[in-house]
Amino acid sequence: MNEFEHVCGTDNKTYDTSCKLFAAKCNLEGTKRGHKLHLDYLGPCKLIPKCMKNELVQFPLRMRDWLKNVLLQLYEHDSTSPGFLTPKQRFRVKKIFENERLLHAGNHSVELLVLDFEKNYNMYIYPVHWEFAQLDQHPTDRILSYSELAPLRVPLVPMEHCIPLFFQECDADKDKQITFKEWTSCFGIKDEDMDVNLLF
């Protein structure tokens, strides 16, 4: 059995493949355990450290910076082989790419990330909107369900142990969904800068 096929369920049990996890979920259909069972992360279950309060505060800073850099990489790839971004997206990312005050990718201190967010706040608005739009797919309703969050959450859990708690905290009304407003406020985007037009 290939080690890379293993997955960890939210029941902290390692399954040989994601198919076996979903088969187990089907067998438990209609039960409380079945309702709570989801794919937690890729790879066998391991001890994931508890997310401390100071780490949770730092998480959105790193995540915003990462989202910005993912978009900038897509912009550079799109320049040589188009298709990564739509023309509208290219236009928005170009503004960030050409900004002289751009904080380039790197392992920056929390203090520098805080300072950059305060000084260059506008560079972070679009990346936060863009990631929400990437995740809000089935259906596109400006609400992220647990399964819509999975493509971002599942691969990151082993590296970013605060991501599950971050999403729980983002869900302010605890309805197991993250609205567009909850998402933007979690990343420090002001209400007046929430713009549904940036989702398209």
N, C-alpha and C. Protein backbone atom coordinates (compact mmCIF):
# COMPACT_ATOMS: atom_id res chain seq x y z
N MET A 1 0.86 -1.20 0.00
CA MET A 1 0.00 0.00 0.00
C MET A 1 0.89 1.24 0.00
N ASN A 2 0.58 2.16 -0.89
CA ASN A 2 1.35 3.40 -1.00
C ASN A 2 1.03 4.33 0.17
N GLU A 3 2.06 4.74 0.87
CA GLU A 3 1.93 5.63 2.03
C GLU A 3 1.17 6.90 1.68
N PHE A 4 1.33 7.40 0.42
CA PHE A 4 0.71 8.65 0.01
C PHE A 4 -0.79 8.53 -0.21
N GLU A 5 -1.30 7.30 -0.27
CA GLU A 5 -2.74 7.11 -0.47
C GLU A 5 -3.50 7.19 0.85
N HIS A 6 -2.78 6.98 1.96
CA HIS A 6 -3.43 7.03 3.27
C HIS A 6 -4.03 8.40 3.53
N VAL A 7 -5.15 8.39 4.25
CA VAL A 7 -5.77 9.64 4.67
C VAL A 7 -6.17 9.52 6.13
N CYS A 8 -6.28 10.65 6.79
CA CYS A 8 -6.70 10.68 8.19
C CYS A 8 -8.11 11.24 8.27
N GLY A 9 -8.98 10.52 8.94
CA GLY A 9 -10.36 10.98 9.12
C GLY A 9 -10.48 11.86 10.34
N THR A 10 -11.59 12.56 10.45
CA THR A 10 -11.82 13.42 11.61
C THR A 10 -12.04 12.58 12.87
N ASP A 11 -12.14 11.25 12.71
CA ASP A 11 -12.23 10.35 13.86
C ASP A 11 -10.83 9.94 14.34
N ASN A 12 -9.80 10.58 13.76
CA ASN A 12 -8.39 10.31 14.09
C ASN A 12 -8.00 8.87 13.77
N LYS A 13 -8.60 8.32 12.71
CA LYS A 13 -8.30 6.96 12.27
C LYS A 13 -7.72 7.04 10.86
N THR A 14 -6.64 6.28 10.63
CA THR A 14 -6.02 6.25 9.30
C THR A 14 -6.77 5.27 8.41
N TYR A 15 -7.11 5.72 7.21
CA TYR A 15 -7.77 4.87 6.21
C TYR A 15 -6.79 4.65 5.06
N ASP A 16 -6.83 3.45 4.47
CA ASP A 16 -5.89 3.11 3.40
C ASP A 16 -6.02 4.05 2.21
N THR A 17 -7.25 4.45 1.90
CA THR A 17 -7.50 5.39 0.79
C THR A 17 -8.69 6.27 1.17
N SER A 18 -8.88 7.35 0.42
CA SER A 18 -10.04 8.21 0.68
C SER A 18 -11.34 7.45 0.37
N CYS A 19 -11.28 6.51 -0.59
CA CYS A 19 -12.47 5.70 -0.92
C CYS A 19 -12.91 4.89 0.29
N LYS A 20 -11.95 4.34 1.03
CA LYS A 20 -12.29 3.54 2.22
C LYS A 20 -12.90 4.42 3.31
N LEU A 21 -12.39 5.66 3.43
CA LEU A 21 -12.98 6.58 4.40
C LEU A 21 -14.42 6.89 4.03
N PHE A 22 -14.67 7.19 2.74
CA PHE A 22 -16.03 7.53 2.33
C PHE A 22 -16.96 6.32 2.40
N ALA A 23 -16.41 5.10 2.22
CA ALA A 23 -17.21 3.87 2.39
C ALA A 23 -17.62 3.73 3.86
N ALA A 24 -16.68 4.03 4.76
CA ALA A 24 -16.97 3.97 6.20
C ALA A 24 -18.06 5.00 6.55
N LYS A 25 -17.97 6.18 5.94
CA LYS A 25 -18.97 7.24 6.17
C LYS A 25 -20.34 6.77 5.68
N CYS A 26 -20.37 6.12 4.52
CA CYS A 26 -21.64 5.60 3.96
C CYS A 26 -22.25 4.55 4.89
N ASN A 27 -21.39 3.68 5.43
CA ASN A 27 -21.87 2.62 6.34
C ASN A 27 -22.46 3.21 7.62
N LEU A 28 -22.03 4.40 7.97
CA LEU A 28 -22.51 5.06 9.19
C LEU A 28 -23.62 6.07 8.90
N GLU A 29 -24.12 6.07 7.67
CA GLU A 29 -25.13 7.07 7.26
C GLU A 29 -26.33 7.07 8.20
N GLY A 30 -26.74 8.27 8.58
CA GLY A 30 -27.88 8.42 9.47
C GLY A 30 -27.48 8.41 10.94
N THR A 31 -26.21 8.17 11.22
CA THR A 31 -25.75 8.16 12.61
C THR A 31 -24.99 9.46 12.90
N LYS A 32 -24.85 9.76 14.19
CA LYS A 32 -24.11 10.96 14.61
C LYS A 32 -22.65 10.83 14.19
N ARG A 33 -22.08 9.62 14.35
CA ARG A 33 -20.68 9.39 13.97
C ARG A 33 -20.47 9.59 12.47
N GLY A 34 -21.40 9.11 11.68
CA GLY A 34 -21.32 9.26 10.23
C GLY A 34 -21.40 10.70 9.80
N HIS A 35 -22.25 11.47 10.48
CA HIS A 35 -22.42 12.89 10.16
C HIS A 35 -21.14 13.67 10.45
N LYS A 36 -20.42 13.25 11.51
CA LYS A 36 -19.20 13.97 11.92
C LYS A 36 -17.95 13.51 11.18
N LEU A 37 -18.02 12.37 10.48
CA LEU A 37 -16.83 11.82 9.83
C LEU A 37 -16.56 12.52 8.49
N HIS A 38 -15.37 13.11 8.39
CA HIS A 38 -14.92 13.77 7.16
C HIS A 38 -13.45 13.47 6.96
N LEU A 39 -12.95 13.81 5.80
CA LEU A 39 -11.51 13.74 5.53
C LEU A 39 -10.86 14.90 6.28
N ASP A 40 -9.93 14.58 7.18
CA ASP A 40 -9.27 15.64 7.95
C ASP A 40 -8.04 16.13 7.20
N TYR A 41 -7.15 15.20 6.81
CA TYR A 41 -5.97 15.59 6.05
C TYR A 41 -5.37 14.39 5.33
N LEU A 42 -4.47 14.69 4.38
CA LEU A 42 -3.82 13.65 3.59
C LEU A 42 -2.69 13.03 4.40
N GLY A 43 -2.48 11.72 4.20
CA GLY A 43 -1.43 11.01 4.91
C GLY A 43 -1.99 10.34 6.15
N PRO A 44 -1.18 9.44 6.74
CA PRO A 44 -1.65 8.74 7.95
C PRO A 44 -1.83 9.72 9.12
N CYS A 45 -2.69 9.37 10.06
CA CYS A 45 -2.92 10.22 11.23
C CYS A 45 -1.63 10.32 12.03
N LYS A 46 -1.39 11.49 12.55
CA LYS A 46 -0.22 11.71 13.40
C LYS A 46 -0.61 12.72 14.47
N LEU A 47 0.27 12.90 15.42
CA LEU A 47 -0.02 13.85 16.48
C LEU A 47 0.15 15.26 15.94
N ILE A 48 -0.96 15.99 15.85
CA ILE A 48 -0.92 17.38 15.38
C ILE A 48 -0.92 18.24 16.63
N PRO A 49 0.08 19.12 16.78
CA PRO A 49 0.13 19.94 17.99
C PRO A 49 -1.10 20.84 18.13
N LYS A 50 -1.45 21.11 19.37
CA LYS A 50 -2.58 22.00 19.66
C LYS A 50 -2.21 23.41 19.20
N CYS A 51 -3.15 24.10 18.62
CA CYS A 51 -2.93 25.48 18.17
C CYS A 51 -3.06 26.42 19.37
N MET A 52 -1.99 27.13 19.64
CA MET A 52 -1.99 28.08 20.76
C MET A 52 -2.59 29.42 20.31
N LYS A 53 -3.08 30.18 21.26
CA LYS A 53 -3.76 31.45 20.97
C LYS A 53 -2.88 32.40 20.15
N ASN A 54 -1.59 32.52 20.52
CA ASN A 54 -0.70 33.43 19.79
C ASN A 54 -0.47 32.94 18.36
N GLU A 55 -0.46 31.62 18.15
CA GLU A 55 -0.31 31.07 16.79
C GLU A 55 -1.55 31.35 15.96
N LEU A 56 -2.72 31.25 16.60
CA LEU A 56 -3.98 31.50 15.90
C LEU A 56 -4.05 32.94 15.43
N VAL A 57 -3.55 33.87 16.24
CA VAL A 57 -3.53 35.30 15.89
C VAL A 57 -2.61 35.52 14.68
N GLN A 58 -1.51 34.77 14.61
CA GLN A 58 -0.54 34.92 13.53
C GLN A 58 -1.00 34.28 12.22
N PHE A 59 -1.88 33.27 12.32
CA PHE A 59 -2.25 32.50 11.13
C PHE A 59 -2.79 33.35 9.98
N PRO A 60 -3.77 34.25 10.20
CA PRO A 60 -4.28 35.02 9.05
C PRO A 60 -3.22 35.90 8.41
N LEU A 61 -2.22 36.35 9.19
CA LEU A 61 -1.14 37.17 8.63
C LEU A 61 -0.36 36.36 7.59
N ARG A 62 0.02 35.14 7.98
CA ARG A 62 0.78 34.28 7.06
C ARG A 62 -0.07 33.84 5.87
N MET A 63 -1.33 33.54 6.15
CA MET A 63 -2.23 33.06 5.10
C MET A 63 -2.48 34.15 4.05
N ARG A 64 -2.71 35.39 4.49
CA ARG A 64 -2.91 36.51 3.55
C ARG A 64 -1.69 36.67 2.66
N ASP A 65 -0.50 36.63 3.27
CA ASP A 65 0.75 36.79 2.53
C ASP A 65 0.90 35.66 1.52
N TRP A 66 0.56 34.43 1.95
CA TRP A 66 0.67 33.26 1.08
C TRP A 66 -0.30 33.40 -0.12
N LEU A 67 -1.54 33.81 0.15
CA LEU A 67 -2.53 33.97 -0.93
C LEU A 67 -2.06 35.00 -1.96
N LYS A 68 -1.51 36.10 -1.46
CA LYS A 68 -0.98 37.15 -2.35
C LYS A 68 0.12 36.56 -3.24
N ASN A 69 1.02 35.79 -2.64
CA ASN A 69 2.14 35.22 -3.40
C ASN A 69 1.71 34.13 -4.37
N VAL A 70 0.67 33.37 -4.02
CA VAL A 70 0.12 32.36 -4.95
C VAL A 70 -0.40 33.08 -6.20
N LEU A 71 -1.14 34.17 -5.98
CA LEU A 71 -1.67 34.94 -7.11
C LEU A 71 -0.56 35.53 -7.97
N LEU A 72 0.48 36.03 -7.35
CA LEU A 72 1.60 36.61 -8.10
C LEU A 72 2.32 35.53 -8.93
N GLN A 73 2.44 34.33 -8.37
CA GLN A 73 3.04 33.21 -9.13
C GLN A 73 2.18 32.85 -10.32
N LEU A 74 0.86 32.81 -10.11
CA LEU A 74 -0.07 32.51 -11.22
C LEU A 74 0.06 33.58 -12.30
N TYR A 75 0.20 34.83 -11.89
CA TYR A 75 0.35 35.94 -12.83
C TYR A 75 1.61 35.74 -13.68
N GLU A 76 2.72 35.35 -13.05
CA GLU A 76 3.97 35.14 -13.78
C GLU A 76 3.86 33.96 -14.74
N HIS A 77 3.23 32.86 -14.28
CA HIS A 77 3.02 31.69 -15.17
C HIS A 77 2.12 32.06 -16.34
N ASP A 78 1.09 32.87 -16.03
CA ASP A 78 0.12 33.27 -17.04
C ASP A 78 0.77 34.12 -18.14
N SER A 79 1.85 34.82 -17.78
CA SER A 79 2.55 35.66 -18.76
C SER A 79 3.22 34.80 -19.84
N THR A 80 3.70 33.61 -19.45
CA THR A 80 4.38 32.73 -20.42
C THR A 80 3.42 31.73 -21.06
N SER A 81 2.47 31.23 -20.29
CA SER A 81 1.47 30.33 -20.88
C SER A 81 0.10 30.69 -20.32
N PRO A 82 -0.63 31.57 -21.04
CA PRO A 82 -1.93 32.07 -20.58
C PRO A 82 -2.94 30.96 -20.27
N GLY A 83 -3.86 31.28 -19.35
CA GLY A 83 -4.91 30.34 -19.00
C GLY A 83 -5.04 30.15 -17.50
N PHE A 84 -4.07 30.65 -16.74
CA PHE A 84 -4.12 30.52 -15.28
C PHE A 84 -5.09 31.53 -14.67
N LEU A 85 -5.19 32.70 -15.30
CA LEU A 85 -6.05 33.76 -14.79
C LEU A 85 -6.94 34.30 -15.90
N THR A 86 -8.12 34.79 -15.52
CA THR A 86 -8.99 35.44 -16.50
C THR A 86 -8.43 36.85 -16.76
N PRO A 87 -8.84 37.51 -17.85
CA PRO A 87 -8.36 38.88 -18.10
C PRO A 87 -8.64 39.83 -16.92
N LYS A 88 -9.82 39.70 -16.28
CA LYS A 88 -10.16 40.54 -15.13
C LYS A 88 -9.19 40.28 -13.97
N GLN A 89 -8.93 39.00 -13.72
CA GLN A 89 -8.01 38.64 -12.64
C GLN A 89 -6.60 39.16 -12.93
N ARG A 90 -6.16 39.00 -14.19
CA ARG A 90 -4.83 39.50 -14.58
C ARG A 90 -4.70 40.99 -14.31
N PHE A 91 -5.73 41.73 -14.65
CA PHE A 91 -5.73 43.18 -14.46
C PHE A 91 -5.57 43.52 -12.97
N ARG A 92 -6.31 42.80 -12.12
CA ARG A 92 -6.26 43.08 -10.68
C ARG A 92 -4.91 42.69 -10.07
N VAL A 93 -4.36 41.55 -10.50
CA VAL A 93 -3.09 41.09 -9.94
C VAL A 93 -1.93 41.94 -10.47
N LYS A 94 -2.08 42.46 -11.68
CA LYS A 94 -1.02 43.31 -12.28
C LYS A 94 -0.75 44.52 -11.38
N LYS A 95 -1.82 45.08 -10.80
CA LYS A 95 -1.67 46.24 -9.90
C LYS A 95 -0.80 45.88 -8.70
N ILE A 96 -0.99 44.68 -8.16
CA ILE A 96 -0.18 44.22 -7.02
C ILE A 96 1.25 43.96 -7.49
N PHE A 97 1.37 43.26 -8.62
CA PHE A 97 2.68 42.87 -9.17
C PHE A 97 3.57 44.08 -9.44
N GLU A 98 2.98 45.16 -9.91
CA GLU A 98 3.76 46.34 -10.30
C GLU A 98 3.95 47.34 -9.15
N ASN A 99 3.37 47.04 -7.99
CA ASN A 99 3.50 47.97 -6.86
C ASN A 99 4.92 47.90 -6.29
N GLU A 100 5.57 49.04 -6.24
CA GLU A 100 6.96 49.10 -5.79
C GLU A 100 7.14 48.71 -4.32
N ARG A 101 6.07 48.82 -3.54
CA ARG A 101 6.17 48.51 -2.12
C ARG A 101 5.86 47.05 -1.81
N LEU A 102 5.76 46.23 -2.84
CA LEU A 102 5.41 44.83 -2.69
C LEU A 102 6.40 44.09 -1.79
N LEU A 103 5.86 43.40 -0.79
CA LEU A 103 6.69 42.55 0.08
C LEU A 103 6.83 41.20 -0.62
N HIS A 104 8.04 40.89 -1.07
CA HIS A 104 8.25 39.67 -1.84
C HIS A 104 8.19 38.42 -0.97
N ALA A 105 7.94 37.29 -1.60
CA ALA A 105 7.80 36.01 -0.88
C ALA A 105 9.03 35.72 -0.04
N GLY A 106 8.79 35.19 1.12
CA GLY A 106 9.89 34.85 2.02
C GLY A 106 9.34 34.50 3.39
N ASN A 107 10.21 34.07 4.27
CA ASN A 107 9.79 33.71 5.62
C ASN A 107 9.91 34.96 6.51
N HIS A 108 8.86 35.77 6.48
CA HIS A 108 8.90 37.06 7.17
C HIS A 108 8.44 36.94 8.62
N SER A 109 8.96 37.83 9.45
CA SER A 109 8.55 37.86 10.85
C SER A 109 7.10 38.34 10.94
N VAL A 110 6.45 37.97 12.04
CA VAL A 110 5.08 38.39 12.28
C VAL A 110 4.99 39.91 12.30
N GLU A 111 5.99 40.55 12.91
CA GLU A 111 6.00 42.02 13.01
C GLU A 111 6.00 42.66 11.62
N LEU A 112 6.81 42.09 10.71
CA LEU A 112 6.88 42.64 9.35
C LEU A 112 5.56 42.42 8.61
N LEU A 113 4.94 41.26 8.80
CA LEU A 113 3.65 40.98 8.15
C LEU A 113 2.56 41.92 8.66
N VAL A 114 2.57 42.20 9.95
CA VAL A 114 1.60 43.14 10.54
C VAL A 114 1.81 44.53 9.94
N LEU A 115 3.05 44.97 9.91
CA LEU A 115 3.41 46.29 9.38
C LEU A 115 3.03 46.41 7.90
N ASP A 116 3.33 45.36 7.13
CA ASP A 116 3.02 45.40 5.70
C ASP A 116 1.51 45.44 5.46
N PHE A 117 0.75 44.71 6.27
CA PHE A 117 -0.71 44.72 6.13
C PHE A 117 -1.26 46.12 6.43
N GLU A 118 -0.68 46.78 7.43
CA GLU A 118 -1.13 48.13 7.77
C GLU A 118 -0.76 49.14 6.68
N LYS A 119 0.47 49.04 6.17
CA LYS A 119 0.95 50.01 5.17
C LYS A 119 0.41 49.72 3.77
N ASN A 120 0.27 48.44 3.43
CA ASN A 120 -0.11 48.06 2.06
C ASN A 120 -1.40 47.24 2.04
N TYR A 121 -2.34 47.64 2.89
CA TYR A 121 -3.62 46.94 3.06
C TYR A 121 -4.29 46.61 1.73
N ASN A 122 -4.28 47.57 0.79
CA ASN A 122 -4.98 47.37 -0.49
C ASN A 122 -4.46 46.19 -1.30
N MET A 123 -3.20 45.81 -1.08
CA MET A 123 -2.64 44.67 -1.82
C MET A 123 -3.22 43.34 -1.36
N TYR A 124 -3.86 43.34 -0.20
CA TYR A 124 -4.36 42.08 0.36
C TYR A 124 -5.86 41.87 0.15
N ILE A 125 -6.56 42.90 -0.25
CA ILE A 125 -8.01 42.80 -0.42
C ILE A 125 -8.37 41.78 -1.50
N TYR A 126 -7.78 41.92 -2.68
CA TYR A 126 -8.14 41.03 -3.78
C TYR A 126 -7.76 39.57 -3.52
N PRO A 127 -6.55 39.25 -3.03
CA PRO A 127 -6.22 37.84 -2.77
C PRO A 127 -7.20 37.14 -1.83
N VAL A 128 -7.69 37.85 -0.81
CA VAL A 128 -8.66 37.25 0.12
C VAL A 128 -9.98 36.98 -0.60
N HIS A 129 -10.42 37.92 -1.43
CA HIS A 129 -11.64 37.73 -2.23
C HIS A 129 -11.46 36.58 -3.23
N TRP A 130 -10.31 36.57 -3.89
CA TRP A 130 -10.03 35.57 -4.93
C TRP A 130 -10.09 34.15 -4.35
N GLU A 131 -9.48 33.93 -3.19
CA GLU A 131 -9.48 32.58 -2.60
C GLU A 131 -10.89 32.15 -2.24
N PHE A 132 -11.70 33.07 -1.73
CA PHE A 132 -13.10 32.73 -1.43
C PHE A 132 -13.80 32.25 -2.69
N ALA A 133 -13.62 32.99 -3.79
CA ALA A 133 -14.26 32.63 -5.07
C ALA A 133 -13.77 31.27 -5.58
N GLN A 134 -12.47 30.97 -5.35
CA GLN A 134 -11.93 29.67 -5.77
C GLN A 134 -12.61 28.52 -5.03
N LEU A 135 -12.92 28.74 -3.77
CA LEU A 135 -13.49 27.69 -2.93
C LEU A 135 -15.01 27.58 -3.08
N ASP A 136 -15.68 28.69 -3.34
CA ASP A 136 -17.15 28.74 -3.39
C ASP A 136 -17.63 28.21 -4.75
N GLN A 137 -17.70 26.89 -4.87
CA GLN A 137 -17.97 26.28 -6.18
C GLN A 137 -19.24 25.43 -6.25
N HIS A 138 -19.58 24.73 -5.20
CA HIS A 138 -20.68 23.75 -5.30
C HIS A 138 -21.68 23.90 -4.17
N PRO A 139 -22.68 24.74 -4.28
CA PRO A 139 -22.96 25.71 -5.34
C PRO A 139 -22.26 27.05 -5.05
N THR A 140 -22.27 27.92 -6.04
CA THR A 140 -21.71 29.26 -5.86
C THR A 140 -22.80 30.10 -5.19
N ASP A 141 -22.70 30.22 -3.86
CA ASP A 141 -23.77 30.88 -3.10
C ASP A 141 -23.25 31.85 -2.05
N ARG A 142 -21.95 32.18 -2.14
CA ARG A 142 -21.28 33.09 -1.19
C ARG A 142 -21.27 32.54 0.24
N ILE A 143 -21.30 31.20 0.33
CA ILE A 143 -21.19 30.50 1.60
C ILE A 143 -20.26 29.31 1.38
N LEU A 144 -19.30 29.12 2.28
CA LEU A 144 -18.39 27.98 2.16
C LEU A 144 -18.82 26.88 3.14
N SER A 145 -19.12 25.72 2.57
CA SER A 145 -19.47 24.57 3.39
C SER A 145 -18.18 23.84 3.78
N TYR A 146 -18.30 22.86 4.64
CA TYR A 146 -17.14 22.06 5.07
C TYR A 146 -16.46 21.44 3.85
N SER A 147 -17.26 20.89 2.92
CA SER A 147 -16.66 20.22 1.75
C SER A 147 -16.00 21.23 0.80
N GLU A 148 -16.54 22.46 0.73
CA GLU A 148 -15.91 23.48 -0.13
C GLU A 148 -14.58 23.96 0.45
N LEU A 149 -14.45 23.93 1.78
CA LEU A 149 -13.20 24.33 2.42
C LEU A 149 -12.11 23.26 2.29
N ALA A 150 -12.53 22.02 2.04
CA ALA A 150 -11.60 20.88 2.03
C ALA A 150 -10.39 21.07 1.11
N PRO A 151 -10.54 21.56 -0.15
CA PRO A 151 -9.36 21.69 -1.01
C PRO A 151 -8.27 22.59 -0.43
N LEU A 152 -8.64 23.54 0.40
CA LEU A 152 -7.64 24.40 1.04
C LEU A 152 -7.17 23.79 2.36
N ARG A 153 -8.11 23.28 3.12
CA ARG A 153 -7.83 22.79 4.46
C ARG A 153 -7.05 21.48 4.48
N VAL A 154 -7.52 20.48 3.72
CA VAL A 154 -6.97 19.12 3.79
C VAL A 154 -5.46 19.05 3.55
N PRO A 155 -4.92 19.67 2.48
CA PRO A 155 -3.47 19.56 2.29
C PRO A 155 -2.66 20.37 3.30
N LEU A 156 -3.27 21.38 3.93
CA LEU A 156 -2.52 22.27 4.82
C LEU A 156 -2.45 21.83 6.27
N VAL A 157 -3.40 21.00 6.72
CA VAL A 157 -3.45 20.63 8.15
C VAL A 157 -2.12 20.11 8.70
N PRO A 158 -1.42 19.17 8.01
CA PRO A 158 -0.17 18.67 8.58
C PRO A 158 0.92 19.76 8.72
N MET A 159 0.86 20.80 7.88
CA MET A 159 1.87 21.87 7.93
C MET A 159 1.41 23.07 8.75
N GLU A 160 0.11 23.34 8.69
CA GLU A 160 -0.47 24.51 9.37
C GLU A 160 -1.51 24.01 10.37
N HIS A 161 -1.06 23.62 11.56
CA HIS A 161 -1.95 22.97 12.52
C HIS A 161 -3.05 23.89 13.06
N CYS A 162 -2.97 25.19 12.77
CA CYS A 162 -4.01 26.11 13.25
C CYS A 162 -5.18 26.25 12.29
N ILE A 163 -5.07 25.69 11.09
CA ILE A 163 -6.11 25.93 10.09
C ILE A 163 -7.50 25.41 10.53
N PRO A 164 -7.62 24.22 11.16
CA PRO A 164 -8.97 23.80 11.57
C PRO A 164 -9.59 24.77 12.60
N LEU A 165 -8.79 25.19 13.58
CA LEU A 165 -9.30 26.12 14.61
C LEU A 165 -9.61 27.48 13.99
N PHE A 166 -8.78 27.90 13.04
CA PHE A 166 -9.02 29.18 12.35
C PHE A 166 -10.39 29.17 11.68
N PHE A 167 -10.70 28.09 10.95
CA PHE A 167 -12.01 28.01 10.28
C PHE A 167 -13.15 27.93 11.28
N GLN A 168 -12.93 27.24 12.41
CA GLN A 168 -13.97 27.20 13.45
C GLN A 168 -14.23 28.60 13.99
N GLU A 169 -13.15 29.35 14.22
CA GLU A 169 -13.29 30.72 14.75
C GLU A 169 -13.94 31.64 13.71
N CYS A 170 -13.64 31.42 12.44
CA CYS A 170 -14.23 32.24 11.37
C CYS A 170 -15.75 32.09 11.33
N ASP A 171 -16.20 30.88 11.66
CA ASP A 171 -17.63 30.59 11.65
C ASP A 171 -18.27 31.21 12.90
N ALA A 172 -18.43 32.52 12.86
CA ALA A 172 -18.87 33.30 14.03
C ALA A 172 -20.20 32.83 14.60
N ASP A 173 -21.16 32.46 13.73
CA ASP A 173 -22.48 32.03 14.23
C ASP A 173 -22.57 30.53 14.45
N LYS A 174 -21.44 29.82 14.27
CA LYS A 174 -21.32 28.37 14.54
C LYS A 174 -22.38 27.54 13.79
N ASP A 175 -22.66 27.93 12.53
CA ASP A 175 -23.64 27.16 11.74
C ASP A 175 -22.96 26.18 10.78
N LYS A 176 -21.66 25.95 10.98
CA LYS A 176 -20.85 25.01 10.18
C LYS A 176 -20.67 25.45 8.73
N GLN A 177 -20.81 26.76 8.51
CA GLN A 177 -20.58 27.36 7.19
C GLN A 177 -19.90 28.71 7.40
N ILE A 178 -19.12 29.12 6.41
CA ILE A 178 -18.46 30.42 6.50
C ILE A 178 -19.01 31.31 5.38
N THR A 179 -19.67 32.38 5.79
CA THR A 179 -20.22 33.31 4.80
C THR A 179 -19.09 34.20 4.27
N PHE A 180 -19.37 34.90 3.21
CA PHE A 180 -18.41 35.83 2.61
C PHE A 180 -17.99 36.88 3.63
N LYS A 181 -18.96 37.39 4.40
CA LYS A 181 -18.66 38.40 5.43
C LYS A 181 -17.78 37.81 6.52
N GLU A 182 -18.08 36.60 6.97
CA GLU A 182 -17.27 35.94 8.00
C GLU A 182 -15.84 35.73 7.50
N TRP A 183 -15.71 35.32 6.24
CA TRP A 183 -14.39 35.07 5.64
C TRP A 183 -13.54 36.35 5.60
N THR A 184 -14.11 37.41 5.05
CA THR A 184 -13.34 38.65 4.91
C THR A 184 -12.97 39.23 6.27
N SER A 185 -13.89 39.19 7.23
CA SER A 185 -13.57 39.76 8.54
C SER A 185 -12.51 38.90 9.24
N CYS A 186 -12.49 37.60 9.01
CA CYS A 186 -11.47 36.72 9.57
C CYS A 186 -10.07 37.10 9.09
N PHE A 187 -9.99 37.61 7.88
CA PHE A 187 -8.70 38.00 7.32
C PHE A 187 -8.41 39.49 7.50
N GLY A 188 -9.25 40.18 8.29
CA GLY A 188 -8.99 41.58 8.61
C GLY A 188 -9.40 42.57 7.53
N ILE A 189 -10.24 42.11 6.58
CA ILE A 189 -10.72 43.03 5.53
C ILE A 189 -11.92 43.79 6.08
N LYS A 190 -11.88 45.11 5.94
CA LYS A 190 -12.95 45.96 6.49
C LYS A 190 -14.26 45.73 5.72
N ASP A 191 -15.37 45.89 6.43
CA ASP A 191 -16.70 45.70 5.81
C ASP A 191 -16.87 46.53 4.55
N GLU A 192 -16.36 47.78 4.57
CA GLU A 192 -16.54 48.66 3.40
C GLU A 192 -15.73 48.19 2.19
N ASP A 193 -14.77 47.27 2.41
CA ASP A 193 -13.96 46.76 1.30
C ASP A 193 -14.41 45.38 0.82
N MET A 194 -15.50 44.87 1.42
CA MET A 194 -16.10 43.64 0.92
C MET A 194 -16.81 43.97 -0.38
N ASP A 195 -16.39 43.34 -1.46
CA ASP A 195 -16.94 43.69 -2.76
C ASP A 195 -17.24 42.42 -3.54
N VAL A 196 -18.53 42.10 -3.71
CA VAL A 196 -18.91 40.88 -4.42
C VAL A 196 -18.41 40.90 -5.87
N ASN A 197 -18.20 42.09 -6.43
CA ASN A 197 -17.71 42.18 -7.80
C ASN A 197 -16.30 41.61 -7.94
N LEU A 198 -15.55 41.59 -6.83
CA LEU A 198 -14.19 41.03 -6.88
C LEU A 198 -14.21 39.50 -6.89
N LEU A 199 -15.38 38.90 -6.71
CA LEU A 199 -15.48 37.43 -6.72
C LEU A 199 -15.57 36.88 -8.15
N PHE A 200 -15.79 37.77 -9.11
CA PHE A 200 -15.97 37.29 -10.49
C PHE A 200 -14.79 37.63 -11.35
